[in-house]
C-alpha atoms as a PDB file:
ATOM      1  CA  UNK A   1       9.962  21.528 -20.179  1.00  0.00           C
ATOM      2  CA  UNK A   2       7.016  19.919 -18.411  1.00  0.00           C
ATOM      3  CA  UNK A   3       4.103  22.108 -17.439  1.00  0.00           C
ATOM      4  CA  UNK A   4       4.073  22.992 -13.756  1.00  0.00           C
ATOM      5  CA  UNK A   5       0.975  21.794 -11.916  1.00  0.00           C
ATOM      6  CA  UNK A   6      -0.941  23.866  -9.381  1.00  0.00           C
ATOM      7  CA  UNK A   7       0.078  22.033  -6.205  1.00  0.00           C
ATOM      8  CA  UNK A   8      -2.306  24.027  -4.004  1.00  0.00           C
ATOM      9  CA  UNK A   9      -5.306  23.091  -6.165  1.00  0.00           C
ATOM     10  CA  UNK A  10      -4.139  19.476  -6.326  1.00  0.00           C
ATOM     11  CA  UNK A  11      -3.770  19.439  -2.543  1.00  0.00           C
ATOM     12  CA  UNK A  12      -7.415  20.502  -2.241  1.00  0.00           C
ATOM     13  CA  UNK A  13      -8.280  17.639  -4.564  1.00  0.00           C
ATOM     14  CA  UNK A  14      -6.226  15.177  -2.528  1.00  0.00           C
ATOM     15  CA  UNK A  15      -7.960  16.254   0.672  1.00  0.00           C
ATOM     16  CA  UNK A  16     -11.329  15.844  -1.075  1.00  0.00           C
ATOM     17  CA  UNK A  17     -10.198  12.340  -2.064  1.00  0.00           C
ATOM     18  CA  UNK A  18      -9.339  11.595   1.565  1.00  0.00           C
ATOM     19  CA  UNK A  19     -12.655  13.014   2.786  1.00  0.00           C
ATOM     20  CA  UNK A  20     -14.573  10.892   0.279  1.00  0.00           C
ATOM     21  CA  UNK A  21     -12.838   7.751   1.541  1.00  0.00           C
ATOM     22  CA  UNK A  22     -13.712   8.659   5.117  1.00  0.00           C
ATOM     23  CA  UNK A  23     -17.357   8.982   4.083  1.00  0.00           C
ATOM     24  CA  UNK A  24     -17.636   5.288   3.193  1.00  0.00           C
ATOM     25  CA  UNK A  25     -15.542   3.768   5.986  1.00  0.00           C
ATOM     26  CA  UNK A  26     -15.838   4.859   9.603  1.00  0.00           C
ATOM     27  CA  UNK A  27     -13.260   4.908  12.364  1.00  0.00           C
ATOM     28  CA  UNK A  28     -10.248   4.697  10.013  1.00  0.00           C
ATOM     29  CA  UNK A  29      -8.871   8.237   9.665  1.00  0.00           C
ATOM     30  CA  UNK A  30      -5.245   7.141  10.173  1.00  0.00           C
ATOM     31  CA  UNK A  31      -5.536   4.265   7.712  1.00  0.00           C
ATOM     32  CA  UNK A  32      -7.263   6.489   5.156  1.00  0.00           C
ATOM     33  CA  UNK A  33      -4.530   9.122   5.504  1.00  0.00           C
ATOM     34  CA  UNK A  34      -1.864   6.435   5.002  1.00  0.00           C
ATOM     35  CA  UNK A  35      -3.652   5.103   1.913  1.00  0.00           C
ATOM     36  CA  UNK A  36      -3.965   8.628   0.511  1.00  0.00           C
ATOM     37  CA  UNK A  37      -0.247   9.229   1.047  1.00  0.00           C
ATOM     38  CA  UNK A  38       0.609   5.956  -0.687  1.00  0.00           C
ATOM     39  CA  UNK A  39      -1.556   6.715  -3.719  1.00  0.00           C
ATOM     40  CA  UNK A  40      -0.157  10.225  -4.164  1.00  0.00           C
ATOM     41  CA  UNK A  41       3.353   8.821  -3.667  1.00  0.00           C
ATOM     42  CA  UNK A  42       2.652   6.348  -6.507  1.00  0.00           C
ATOM     43  CA  UNK A  43       3.187   3.300  -4.305  1.00  0.00           C
ATOM     44  CA  UNK A  44       1.439  -0.042  -3.935  1.00  0.00           C
ATOM     45  CA  UNK A  45      -0.498  -1.001  -0.808  1.00  0.00           C
ATOM     46  CA  UNK A  46      -1.133  -4.207   1.133  1.00  0.00           C
ATOM     47  CA  UNK A  47      -4.035  -4.132   3.590  1.00  0.00           C
ATOM     48  CA  UNK A  48      -4.129  -6.508   6.527  1.00  0.00           C
ATOM     49  CA  UNK A  49      -6.873  -7.238   9.004  1.00  0.00           C
ATOM     50  CA  UNK A  50      -9.609  -9.600  10.047  1.00  0.00           C
ATOM     51  CA  UNK A  51     -12.492 -10.610   7.805  1.00  0.00           C
ATOM     52  CA  UNK A  52     -15.288  -8.071   7.346  1.00  0.00           C
ATOM     53  CA  UNK A  53     -13.563  -4.957   8.689  1.00  0.00           C
ATOM     54  CA  UNK A  54     -13.855  -2.914   5.468  1.00  0.00           C
ATOM     55  CA  UNK A  55     -10.605  -3.602   3.595  1.00  0.00           C
ATOM     56  CA  UNK A  56     -12.284  -4.355   0.274  1.00  0.00           C
ATOM     57  CA  UNK A  57     -14.727  -1.464   0.672  1.00  0.00           C
ATOM     58  CA  UNK A  58     -11.833   0.931   1.234  1.00  0.00           C
ATOM     59  CA  UNK A  59      -9.951  -0.300  -1.839  1.00  0.00           C
ATOM     60  CA  UNK A  60     -13.026  -0.276  -4.069  1.00  0.00           C
ATOM     61  CA  UNK A  61     -13.748   3.293  -2.971  1.00  0.00           C
ATOM     62  CA  UNK A  62     -10.204   4.366  -3.846  1.00  0.00           C
ATOM     63  CA  UNK A  63     -10.523   2.731  -7.272  1.00  0.00           C
ATOM     64  CA  UNK A  64     -13.817   4.525  -7.907  1.00  0.00           C
ATOM     65  CA  UNK A  65     -12.294   7.901  -7.026  1.00  0.00           C
ATOM     66  CA  UNK A  66      -9.260   7.338  -9.250  1.00  0.00           C
ATOM     67  CA  UNK A  67     -11.279   6.321 -12.304  1.00  0.00           C
ATOM     68  CA  UNK A  68      -9.655   4.510 -15.207  1.00  0.00           C
ATOM     69  CA  UNK A  69      -9.642   0.760 -15.657  1.00  0.00           C
ATOM     70  CA  UNK A  70     -10.258  -1.377 -12.600  1.00  0.00           C
ATOM     71  CA  UNK A  71      -9.762  -5.119 -12.281  1.00  0.00           C
ATOM     72  CA  UNK A  72      -9.579  -7.595  -9.450  1.00  0.00           C
ATOM     73  CA  UNK A  73      -8.613 -11.211  -9.078  1.00  0.00           C
ATOM     74  CA  UNK A  74      -9.351 -13.621  -6.258  1.00  0.00           C
ATOM     75  CA  UNK A  75      -6.535 -15.502  -4.597  1.00  0.00           C
ATOM     76  CA  UNK A  76      -7.042 -19.268  -4.831  1.00  0.00           C
ATOM     77  CA  UNK A  77      -4.861 -22.323  -4.478  1.00  0.00           C
ATOM     78  CA  UNK A  78      -5.306 -23.184  -8.176  1.00  0.00           C
ATOM     79  CA  UNK A  79      -4.667 -19.650  -9.474  1.00  0.00           C
ATOM     80  CA  UNK A  80      -1.910 -19.657 -12.104  1.00  0.00           C
ATOM     81  CA  UNK A  81       0.035 -16.801 -13.746  1.00  0.00           C
ATOM     82  CA  UNK A  82      -1.849 -17.420 -17.004  1.00  0.00           C
ATOM     83  CA  UNK A  83      -5.123 -16.541 -15.238  1.00  0.00           C
ATOM     84  CA  UNK A  84      -3.942 -12.930 -15.060  1.00  0.00           C
ATOM     85  CA  UNK A  85      -3.179 -12.809 -18.773  1.00  0.00           C
ATOM     86  CA  UNK A  86      -5.781 -14.756 -20.738  1.00  0.00           C
ATOM     87  CA  UNK A  87      -8.953 -16.788 -20.552  1.00  0.00           C
ATOM     88  CA  UNK A  88      -9.401 -19.860 -22.760  1.00  0.00           C
ATOM     89  CA  UNK A  89     -12.931 -20.817 -23.781  1.00  0.00           C
ATOM     90  CA  UNK A  90     -15.018 -22.522 -26.482  1.00  0.00           C
ATOM     91  CA  UNK A  91     -16.612 -19.997 -28.835  1.00  0.00           C
ATOM     92  CA  UNK A  92     -19.986 -20.171 -30.581  1.00  0.00           C
ATOM     93  CA  UNK A  93     -18.478 -22.165 -33.443  1.00  0.00           C
ATOM     94  CA  UNK A  94     -17.277 -24.801 -31.005  1.00  0.00           C
ATOM     95  CA  UNK A  95     -13.641 -23.840 -31.469  1.00  0.00           C
ATOM     96  CA  UNK A  96     -11.036 -23.107 -28.829  1.00  0.00           C
ATOM     97  CA  UNK A  97     -10.488 -19.374 -28.393  1.00  0.00           C
ATOM     98  CA  UNK A  98      -8.568 -17.035 -26.119  1.00  0.00           C
ATOM     99  CA  UNK A  99      -9.430 -13.578 -24.831  1.00  0.00           C
ATOM    100  CA  UNK A 100      -7.403 -11.182 -22.652  1.00  0.00           C
ATOM    101  CA  UNK A 101      -7.476 -11.802 -18.925  1.00  0.00           C
ATOM    102  CA  UNK A 102      -8.183  -9.207 -16.235  1.00  0.00           C
ATOM    103  CA  UNK A 103      -4.710  -7.696 -16.359  1.00  0.00           C
ATOM    104  CA  UNK A 104      -4.781  -6.954 -20.094  1.00  0.00           C
ATOM    105  CA  UNK A 105      -8.347  -5.842 -20.772  1.00  0.00           C
ATOM    106  CA  UNK A 106      -7.688  -2.122 -20.236  1.00  0.00           C
ATOM    107  CA  UNK A 107      -4.040  -2.110 -21.390  1.00  0.00           C
ATOM    108  CA  UNK A 108      -2.350   1.202 -20.496  1.00  0.00           C
ATOM    109  CA  UNK A 109      -5.617   2.667 -19.134  1.00  0.00           C
ATOM    110  CA  UNK A 110      -5.536   0.221 -16.209  1.00  0.00           C
ATOM    111  CA  UNK A 111      -5.353   2.344 -13.056  1.00  0.00           C
ATOM    112  CA  UNK A 112      -6.126  -0.121 -10.233  1.00  0.00           C
ATOM    113  CA  UNK A 113      -5.517  -3.843  -9.923  1.00  0.00           C
ATOM    114  CA  UNK A 114      -6.789  -5.501  -6.751  1.00  0.00           C
ATOM    115  CA  UNK A 115      -5.506  -8.908  -5.639  1.00  0.00           C
ATOM    116  CA  UNK A 116      -7.990 -10.145  -3.046  1.00  0.00           C
ATOM    117  CA  UNK A 117      -6.651 -12.575  -0.427  1.00  0.00           C
ATOM    118  CA  UNK A 118      -3.212 -12.693  -2.006  1.00  0.00           C
ATOM    119  CA  UNK A 119      -1.929 -15.292   0.447  1.00  0.00           C
ATOM    120  CA  UNK A 120      -4.401 -17.869  -0.895  1.00  0.00           C
ATOM    121  CA  UNK A 121      -2.478 -17.949  -4.187  1.00  0.00           C
ATOM    122  CA  UNK A 122       0.604 -20.036  -4.829  1.00  0.00           C
ATOM    123  CA  UNK A 123       4.112 -18.559  -5.253  1.00  0.00           C
ATOM    124  CA  UNK A 124       3.863 -18.947  -9.055  1.00  0.00           C
ATOM    125  CA  UNK A 125       1.061 -16.373  -9.097  1.00  0.00           C
ATOM    126  CA  UNK A 126       2.958 -14.151  -6.666  1.00  0.00           C
ATOM    127  CA  UNK A 127       5.960 -14.087  -9.006  1.00  0.00           C
ATOM    128  CA  UNK A 128       4.056 -12.533 -11.910  1.00  0.00           C
ATOM    129  CA  UNK A 129       2.255 -10.145  -9.591  1.00  0.00           C
ATOM    130  CA  UNK A 130       5.493  -8.952  -8.014  1.00  0.00           C
ATOM    131  CA  UNK A 131       6.998  -8.243 -11.421  1.00  0.00           C
ATOM    132  CA  UNK A 132       3.884  -6.250 -12.274  1.00  0.00           C
ATOM    133  CA  UNK A 133       4.404  -4.183  -9.121  1.00  0.00           C
ATOM    134  CA  UNK A 134       8.105  -3.614  -9.701  1.00  0.00           C
ATOM    135  CA  UNK A 135       8.052  -2.837 -13.426  1.00  0.00           C
ATOM    136  CA  UNK A 136       4.383  -2.052 -14.200  1.00  0.00           C
ATOM    137  CA  UNK A 137       4.669  -4.326 -17.214  1.00  0.00           C
ATOM    138  CA  UNK A 138       4.150  -7.960 -18.272  1.00  0.00           C
ATOM    139  CA  UNK A 139       4.862 -10.066 -21.362  1.00  0.00           C
ATOM    140  CA  UNK A 140       1.964 -11.779 -23.131  1.00  0.00           C
ATOM    141  CA  UNK A 141       0.925 -12.668 -26.703  1.00  0.00           C
ATOM    142  CA  UNK A 142       4.444 -11.962 -28.011  1.00  0.00           C
ATOM    143  CA  UNK A 143       4.465  -8.364 -26.826  1.00  0.00           C
ATOM    144  CA  UNK A 144       5.105  -6.320 -23.710  1.00  0.00           C
ATOM    145  CA  UNK A 145       2.197  -4.567 -22.018  1.00  0.00           C
ATOM    146  CA  UNK A 146       2.901  -1.418 -19.999  1.00  0.00           C
ATOM    147  CA  UNK A 147       0.730   0.033 -17.243  1.00  0.00           C
ATOM    148  CA  UNK A 148       2.289   3.433 -16.469  1.00  0.00           C
ATOM    149  CA  UNK A 149      -0.553   4.648 -14.249  1.00  0.00           C
ATOM    150  CA  UNK A 150      -1.147   1.441 -12.317  1.00  0.00           C
ATOM    151  CA  UNK A 151      -1.590   1.235  -8.555  1.00  0.00           C
ATOM    152  CA  UNK A 152      -1.702  -2.254  -7.075  1.00  0.00           C
ATOM    153  CA  UNK A 153      -3.782  -3.068  -4.016  1.00  0.00           C
ATOM    154  CA  UNK A 154      -3.819  -6.377  -2.198  1.00  0.00           C
ATOM    155  CA  UNK A 155      -5.153  -7.744   1.037  1.00  0.00           C
ATOM    156  CA  UNK A 156      -4.286 -10.757   3.153  1.00  0.00           C
ATOM    157  CA  UNK A 157      -6.562 -13.203   4.916  1.00  0.00           C
ATOM    158  CA  UNK A 158      -4.983 -13.392   8.370  1.00  0.00           C
ATOM    159  CA  UNK A 159      -7.706 -15.534   9.930  1.00  0.00           C
ATOM    160  CA  UNK A 160      -7.280 -18.803   8.060  1.00  0.00           C
ATOM    161  CA  UNK A 161      -3.965 -20.629   7.791  1.00  0.00           C
ATOM    162  CA  UNK A 162      -4.800 -23.760   5.806  1.00  0.00           C
ATOM    163  CA  UNK A 163      -4.041 -23.655   2.078  1.00  0.00           C
ATOM    164  CA  UNK A 164      -2.388 -20.260   2.340  1.00  0.00           C
ATOM    165  CA  UNK A 165       1.016 -19.187   1.021  1.00  0.00           C
ATOM    166  CA  UNK A 166       2.622 -16.228   2.717  1.00  0.00           C
ATOM    167  CA  UNK A 167       4.448 -13.691   0.580  1.00  0.00           C
ATOM    168  CA  UNK A 168       8.210 -13.878   1.222  1.00  0.00           C
ATOM    169  CA  UNK A 169       9.412 -11.041   3.422  1.00  0.00           C
ATOM    170  CA  UNK A 170      11.743  -9.692   0.755  1.00  0.00           C
ATOM    171  CA  UNK A 171       8.924  -9.691  -1.798  1.00  0.00           C
ATOM    172  CA  UNK A 172       6.690  -7.687   0.524  1.00  0.00           C
ATOM    173  CA  UNK A 173       9.246  -4.915   0.183  1.00  0.00           C
ATOM    174  CA  UNK A 174       7.590  -4.168  -3.172  1.00  0.00           C
ATOM    175  CA  UNK A 175       4.657  -2.671  -1.294  1.00  0.00           C
ATOM    176  CA  UNK A 176       5.226   0.937  -0.329  1.00  0.00           C
ATOM    177  CA  UNK A 177       2.980   0.460   2.687  1.00  0.00           C
ATOM    178  CA  UNK A 178       1.305  -2.240   4.702  1.00  0.00           C
ATOM    179  CA  UNK A 179      -1.756  -0.868   6.471  1.00  0.00           C
ATOM    180  CA  UNK A 180      -3.523  -2.709   9.284  1.00  0.00           C
ATOM    181  CA  UNK A 181      -7.310  -2.302   9.283  1.00  0.00           C
ATOM    182  CA  UNK A 182      -9.300  -3.008  12.444  1.00  0.00           C
ATOM    183  CA  UNK A 183     -12.931  -2.647  13.464  1.00  0.00           C
ATOM    184  CA  UNK A 184     -13.559   0.595  15.393  1.00  0.00           C
ATOM    185  CA  UNK A 185     -13.551   0.478  19.190  1.00  0.00           C
ATOM    186  CA  UNK A 186     -15.812   3.495  19.731  1.00  0.00           C
ATOM    187  CA  UNK A 187     -19.297   2.457  20.769  1.00  0.00           C
ATOM    188  CA  UNK A 188     -21.087   4.974  18.537  1.00  0.00           C
ATOM    189  CA  UNK A 189     -19.142   3.871  15.470  1.00  0.00           C
ATOM    190  CA  UNK A 190     -19.960   0.245  16.218  1.00  0.00           C
ATOM    191  CA  UNK A 191     -23.611   1.213  16.518  1.00  0.00           C
ATOM    192  CA  UNK A 192     -23.480   3.017  13.155  1.00  0.00           C
ATOM    193  CA  UNK A 193     -21.972   0.002  11.390  1.00  0.00           C
ATOM    194  CA  UNK A 194     -24.673  -2.253  12.833  1.00  0.00           C
ATOM    195  CA  UNK A 195     -27.744  -0.057  12.338  1.00  0.00           C
ATOM    196  CA  UNK A 196     -27.036   2.546   9.626  1.00  0.00           C
ATOM    197  CA  UNK A 197     -28.510   0.858   6.553  1.00  0.00           C
ATOM    198  CA  UNK A 198     -26.265   2.713   4.109  1.00  0.00           C
ATOM    199  CA  UNK A 199     -23.411   0.419   5.177  1.00  0.00           C
ATOM    200  CA  UNK A 200     -25.429  -2.671   4.209  1.00  0.00           C
ATOM    201  CA  UNK A 201     -25.037  -2.202   0.435  1.00  0.00           C
ATOM    202  CA  UNK A 202     -21.371  -1.768  -0.469  1.00  0.00           C
ATOM    203  CA  UNK A 203     -22.115  -1.424  -4.203  1.00  0.00           C
ATOM    204  CA  UNK A 204     -24.429   1.533  -3.582  1.00  0.00           C
ATOM    205  CA  UNK A 205     -22.056   3.023  -1.011  1.00  0.00           C
ATOM    206  CA  UNK A 206     -19.105   2.988  -3.391  1.00  0.00           C
ATOM    207  CA  UNK A 207     -21.220   3.883  -6.421  1.00  0.00           C
ATOM    208  CA  UNK A 208     -22.228   7.221  -4.908  1.00  0.00           C
ATOM    209  CA  UNK A 209     -18.634   8.429  -5.009  1.00  0.00           C
ATOM    210  CA  UNK A 210     -17.606  10.583  -7.988  1.00  0.00           C
ATOM    211  CA  UNK A 211     -15.691   8.506 -10.517  1.00  0.00           C
ATOM    212  CA  UNK A 212     -12.368  10.042 -11.440  1.00  0.00           C
ATOM    213  CA  UNK A 213     -12.397  12.686  -8.710  1.00  0.00           C
ATOM    214  CA  UNK A 214      -8.618  12.334  -8.795  1.00  0.00           C
ATOM    215  CA  UNK A 215      -7.526  11.774 -12.431  1.00  0.00           C
ATOM    216  CA  UNK A 216      -5.367   8.661 -12.334  1.00  0.00           C
ATOM    217  CA  UNK A 217      -3.402   9.551 -15.480  1.00  0.00           C
ATOM    218  CA  UNK A 218      -2.032  12.768 -13.964  1.00  0.00           C
ATOM    219  CA  UNK A 219      -0.723  11.311 -10.721  1.00  0.00           C
ATOM    220  CA  UNK A 220       2.753  10.443 -12.032  1.00  0.00           C
ATOM    221  CA  UNK A 221       3.470  14.026 -13.010  1.00  0.00           C
ATOM    222  CA  UNK A 222       1.948  15.331  -9.788  1.00  0.00           C
ATOM    223  CA  UNK A 223       3.973  12.974  -7.592  1.00  0.00           C
ATOM    224  CA  UNK A 224       7.205  13.931  -9.350  1.00  0.00           C
ATOM    225  CA  UNK A 225       6.530  17.623  -8.815  1.00  0.00           C
ATOM    226  CA  UNK A 226       5.649  17.107  -5.141  1.00  0.00           C
ATOM    227  CA  UNK A 227       8.871  15.173  -4.561  1.00  0.00           C
ATOM    228  CA  UNK A 228      10.924  17.877  -6.267  1.00  0.00           C
ATOM    229  CA  UNK A 229       9.187  20.720  -4.428  1.00  0.00           C
ATOM    230  CA  UNK A 230       9.213  19.570  -0.790  1.00  0.00           C
ATOM    231  CA  UNK A 231      12.681  20.265   0.564  1.00  0.00           C
ATOM    232  CA  UNK A 232      14.606  18.611   3.387  1.00  0.00           C
ATOM    233  CA  UNK A 233      16.930  20.840   5.409  1.00  0.00           C
ATOM    234  CA  UNK A 234      20.304  19.457   6.491  1.00  0.00           C
ATOM    235  CA  UNK A 235      19.211  18.907  10.106  1.00  0.00           C
ATOM    236  CA  UNK A 236      16.225  16.885   8.922  1.00  0.00           C
ATOM    237  CA  UNK A 237      18.456  14.835   6.625  1.00  0.00           C
ATOM    238  CA  UNK A 238      20.785  14.044   9.527  1.00  0.00           C
ATOM    239  CA  UNK A 239      17.796  12.999  11.643  1.00  0.00           C
ATOM    240  CA  UNK A 240      16.526  10.641   8.951  1.00  0.00           C
ATOM    241  CA  UNK A 241      19.953   9.098   8.380  1.00  0.00           C
ATOM    242  CA  UNK A 242      20.400   8.528  12.106  1.00  0.00           C
ATOM    243  CA  UNK A 243      17.041   6.730  12.259  1.00  0.00           C
ATOM    244  CA  UNK A 244      18.270   4.431   9.508  1.00  0.00           C
ATOM    245  CA  UNK A 245      21.613   3.774  11.220  1.00  0.00           C
ATOM    246  CA  UNK A 246      19.972   2.953  14.561  1.00  0.00           C
ATOM    247  CA  UNK A 247      17.422   0.706  12.892  1.00  0.00           C
ATOM    248  CA  UNK A 248      20.169  -1.258  11.129  1.00  0.00           C
ATOM    249  CA  UNK A 249      22.087  -1.846  14.378  1.00  0.00           C
ATOM    250  CA  UNK A 250      19.858  -1.240  17.415  1.00  0.00           C
ATOM    251  CA  UNK A 251      22.206  -3.165  19.703  1.00  0.00           C
ATOM    252  CA  UNK A 252      25.080  -0.770  19.008  1.00  0.00           C
ATOM    253  CA  UNK A 253      22.718   2.139  19.683  1.00  0.00           C
ATOM    254  CA  UNK A 254      21.937   0.720  23.137  1.00  0.00           C
ATOM    255  CA  UNK A 255      18.357  -0.358  22.413  1.00  0.00           C
ATOM    256  CA  UNK A 256      16.946  -3.303  24.352  1.00  0.00           C
ATOM    257  CA  UNK A 257      13.548  -4.976  24.214  1.00  0.00           C
ATOM    258  CA  UNK A 258      11.950  -7.189  26.875  1.00  0.00           C
ATOM    259  CA  UNK A 259      12.765 -10.901  26.484  1.00  0.00           C
ATOM    260  CA  UNK A 260      14.678 -10.291  23.235  1.00  0.00           C
ATOM    261  CA  UNK A 261      18.326 -11.128  22.550  1.00  0.00           C
ATOM    262  CA  UNK A 262      19.191  -8.058  20.510  1.00  0.00           C
ATOM    263  CA  UNK A 263      22.315  -9.704  19.090  1.00  0.00           C
ATOM    264  CA  UNK A 264      20.126 -12.304  17.373  1.00  0.00           C
ATOM    265  CA  UNK A 265      17.091 -10.227  16.525  1.00  0.00           C
ATOM    266  CA  UNK A 266      17.657  -8.872  13.023  1.00  0.00           C
ATOM    267  CA  UNK A 267      18.092 -10.925   9.879  1.00  0.00           C
ATOM    268  CA  UNK A 268      18.129  -7.899   7.581  1.00  0.00           C
ATOM    269  CA  UNK A 269      16.029  -5.102   6.227  1.00  0.00           C
ATOM    270  CA  UNK A 270      16.107  -1.317   6.358  1.00  0.00           C
ATOM    271  CA  UNK A 271      17.357  -1.254   2.777  1.00  0.00           C
ATOM    272  CA  UNK A 272      18.250   1.911   0.831  1.00  0.00           C
ATOM    273  CA  UNK A 273      15.094   1.385  -1.247  1.00  0.00           C
ATOM    274  CA  UNK A 274      12.981   1.186   1.890  1.00  0.00           C
ATOM    275  CA  UNK A 275      14.461   4.350   3.341  1.00  0.00           C
ATOM    276  CA  UNK A 276      13.951   6.171   0.036  1.00  0.00           C
ATOM    277  CA  UNK A 277      10.309   5.059   0.130  1.00  0.00           C
ATOM    278  CA  UNK A 278      10.092   6.447   3.665  1.00  0.00           C
ATOM    279  CA  UNK A 279      11.224   9.879   2.524  1.00  0.00           C
ATOM    280  CA  UNK A 280       8.976   9.753  -0.532  1.00  0.00           C
ATOM    281  CA  UNK A 281       5.983   9.152   1.727  1.00  0.00           C
ATOM    282  CA  UNK A 282       7.100  11.806   4.196  1.00  0.00           C
ATOM    283  CA  UNK A 283       7.329  14.412   1.421  1.00  0.00           C
ATOM    284  CA  UNK A 284       3.787  13.587   0.297  1.00  0.00           C
ATOM    285  CA  UNK A 285       2.573  13.918   3.870  1.00  0.00           C
ATOM    286  CA  UNK A 286       4.221  17.337   4.193  1.00  0.00           C
ATOM    287  CA  UNK A 287       2.475  18.444   0.992  1.00  0.00           C
ATOM    288  CA  UNK A 288      -0.886  17.266   2.299  1.00  0.00           C
ATOM    289  CA  UNK A 289      -0.208  19.274   5.445  1.00  0.00           C
ATOM    290  CA  UNK A 290       0.295  22.381   3.304  1.00  0.00           C
ATOM    291  CA  UNK A 291       4.086  22.691   3.607  1.00  0.00           C
ATOM    292  CA  UNK A 292       6.963  22.699   1.123  1.00  0.00           C
ATOM    293  CA  UNK A 293       9.479  21.440   3.694  1.00  0.00           C
ATOM    294  CA  UNK A 294       9.846  18.294   5.794  1.00  0.00           C
ATOM    295  CA  UNK A 295       9.558  18.055   9.569  1.00  0.00           C
ATOM    296  CA  UNK A 296      10.309  15.134  11.901  1.00  0.00           C
ATOM    297  CA  UNK A 297       6.557  14.656  12.340  1.00  0.00           C
ATOM    298  CA  UNK A 298       6.239  13.822   8.643  1.00  0.00           C
ATOM    299  CA  UNK A 299       8.727  10.987   9.025  1.00  0.00           C
ATOM    300  CA  UNK A 300       7.253   9.750  12.273  1.00  0.00           C
ATOM    301  CA  UNK A 301       3.731   9.712  10.810  1.00  0.00           C
ATOM    302  CA  UNK A 302       4.611   7.356   7.944  1.00  0.00           C
ATOM    303  CA  UNK A 303       7.338   5.395   9.767  1.00  0.00           C
ATOM    304  CA  UNK A 304       5.220   2.399  10.933  1.00  0.00           C
ATOM    305  CA  UNK A 305       3.378   1.996   7.619  1.00  0.00           C
ATOM    306  CA  UNK A 306       6.502   2.089   5.446  1.00  0.00           C
ATOM    307  CA  UNK A 307       9.139   0.439   7.634  1.00  0.00           C
ATOM    308  CA  UNK A 308       7.454  -2.304   9.707  1.00  0.00           C
ATOM    309  CA  UNK A 309       7.242  -4.850   6.883  1.00  0.00           C
ATOM    310  CA  UNK A 310      10.800  -4.041   5.832  1.00  0.00           C
ATOM    311  CA  UNK A 311      12.305  -5.195   9.136  1.00  0.00           C
ATOM    312  CA  UNK A 312      13.207  -8.873   8.845  1.00  0.00           C
ATOM    313  CA  UNK A 313      13.587 -10.781  12.118  1.00  0.00           C
ATOM    314  CA  UNK A 314      15.570 -13.980  12.519  1.00  0.00           C
ATOM    315  CA  UNK A 315      14.646 -17.422  13.814  1.00  0.00           C
ATOM    316  CA  UNK A 316      11.833 -17.664  16.325  1.00  0.00           C
ATOM    317  CA  UNK A 317      11.560 -13.893  16.473  1.00  0.00           C
ATOM    318  CA  UNK A 318      10.169 -13.918  12.927  1.00  0.00           C
ATOM    319  CA  UNK A 319       7.086 -15.721  14.264  1.00  0.00           C
ATOM    320  CA  UNK A 320       6.551 -12.799  16.655  1.00  0.00           C
ATOM    321  CA  UNK A 321       7.047 -10.086  14.027  1.00  0.00           C
ATOM    322  CA  UNK A 322       3.621  -8.549  14.614  1.00  0.00           C
ATOM    323  CA  UNK A 323       4.525  -7.932  18.271  1.00  0.00           C
ATOM    324  CA  UNK A 324       8.263  -7.227  18.176  1.00  0.00           C
ATOM    325  CA  UNK A 325       8.647  -5.061  15.043  1.00  0.00           C
ATOM    326  CA  UNK A 326       6.390  -2.222  16.272  1.00  0.00           C
ATOM    327  CA  UNK A 327       8.238  -2.235  19.612  1.00  0.00           C
ATOM    328  CA  UNK A 328      11.569  -1.972  17.821  1.00  0.00           C
ATOM    329  CA  UNK A 329      10.419   0.840  15.551  1.00  0.00           C
ATOM    330  CA  UNK A 330       9.052   2.830  18.469  1.00  0.00           C
ATOM    331  CA  UNK A 331      12.284   2.293  20.397  1.00  0.00           C
ATOM    332  CA  UNK A 332      14.249   3.688  17.430  1.00  0.00           C
ATOM    333  CA  UNK A 333      12.042   6.782  17.303  1.00  0.00           C
ATOM    334  CA  UNK A 334      12.480   7.261  21.051  1.00  0.00           C
ATOM    335  CA  UNK A 335      16.252   6.858  20.800  1.00  0.00           C
ATOM    336  CA  UNK A 336      16.924   9.441  18.102  1.00  0.00           C
ATOM    337  CA  UNK A 337      16.412  13.061  19.105  1.00  0.00           C
ATOM    338  CA  UNK A 338      14.421  15.136  16.633  1.00  0.00           C
ATOM    339  CA  UNK A 339      15.905  18.455  15.483  1.00  0.00           C
END
């Protein structure tokens, strides 16, 4: 029988983790809470946003707080799957040699792998990366490497379109959450980012955080206990199932959106895996809020982060996903009465 963990003490640690993240990025409390939920739910995260809004700083800070092995790779048009696994070079004796690539250097102690500007890489590189996310393992050098404690982070360059390769919609389902990061609108926060010199040096900013504040190699056991402890009453289960049913067929539920033919809107999505991920995230949120039971607010809080990228639109509507999907998800929440 596995040893029971002190969930109250771990909750204090998780809130300290969240507070530490908020100390290095400003104006992102909702995004930081979503990232914290994803990490303690043992899910992977894709960050989206314009250049220079703090995506990399946020991910580096999370990696510092988790401890363990950390590696990153830069998306590029010539990046190949082999670049994850090994590096070929000429040694001091003038002979060809091979050493492990960024994915293999820490072996099972790898806790964070960061794929920067993932959409700059070709689909061949995406394929290996997506297997890593799904199975936390890869094959190399005639053996299988396992990464049981791994959390994958990635971000997308949304500004430039040339020489970019978007991740297929179905493949994006491997990410537990997609989190949009924007520059703060508040005048005082903008002033702080411009004139507070501590934000000028990201290395020093991240380096001041305690390494391993949240032990990465204990998160699997913690997440399992949280999921088994937070209960969902029957009324809450019915509410969640009805959200799923309405999302799968909004036309039958009587939902309409401006200038949208609802009969042609959806190509797919709202899979059983996606809905299970929704409830996994909601349970973690309830735990962070100090409860051992789910409420509708837990589901509503994680709904946009978990579900938006799992709604696949058809035809021309797919080009307007960023505008239409949030409208649809909000309409579903408005349609279904909470218990």
